Amino acid sequence: MAHASVAGGASAAVAALILHGAEAVNNLTLRGWAEAHHLSPAARLLAAGVVVASVVGRVSLSSMPSVPPVRLGTIALLATFLSGAIPEVSYLFIALAAAMLLAALTSQTTAARWWALLPGTMLLASPFRPHRPADQTWLVLSQLFLLAGALAAVRPRPGYLVKVK
């Protein structure tokens, strides 16, 4: 019986993590950022849709065998964090670890692509973050930079970029 009350309390605590209204400044998704900046619900949905569309578009233009699973996993993780409803700041440590793993597994011949991850990594790992409410913008921007860096390193499939005479 005591176990059930603990589980019930835990589910109430999980439900409280969905931050809206005055607490939206603590939500580290694009929708939370848009709500904290008093943008319309349509703008919130549009922001999440742009992330999903850019990921689907960029990955579908690539030749899948050339995209390592760690890169796809990092892209999916960051896209989920940005476009979803997961506002937890501790999840960003997972995003940082995924970016570091991605950088570590990048081969020497593609080391220039690793630099694309640097801005987001520096923002996320920086001890010099501004205080609220600007830290929400800082952390959402770091996720966007990490996602853009991971997407930039995905090669287009051969023949996609054809010169027109």
Foldseek 3Di string as FASTA:
>chain_A
DVVVVVVVVVVVVVVVQQDADPRLLLALAQLSVCRNVVHDNVVSQVQLVVLVVLLVVLCVQFDVVVQDPLLVVLLVLLSCSHNHRRRDPVCVVVNLVSLVVVQVPDDPVVNVLNVQLVVLNCLSPPPPADDPSRNSVSNSVSSVSNNVSSSVPGDGYPPPDDDDD
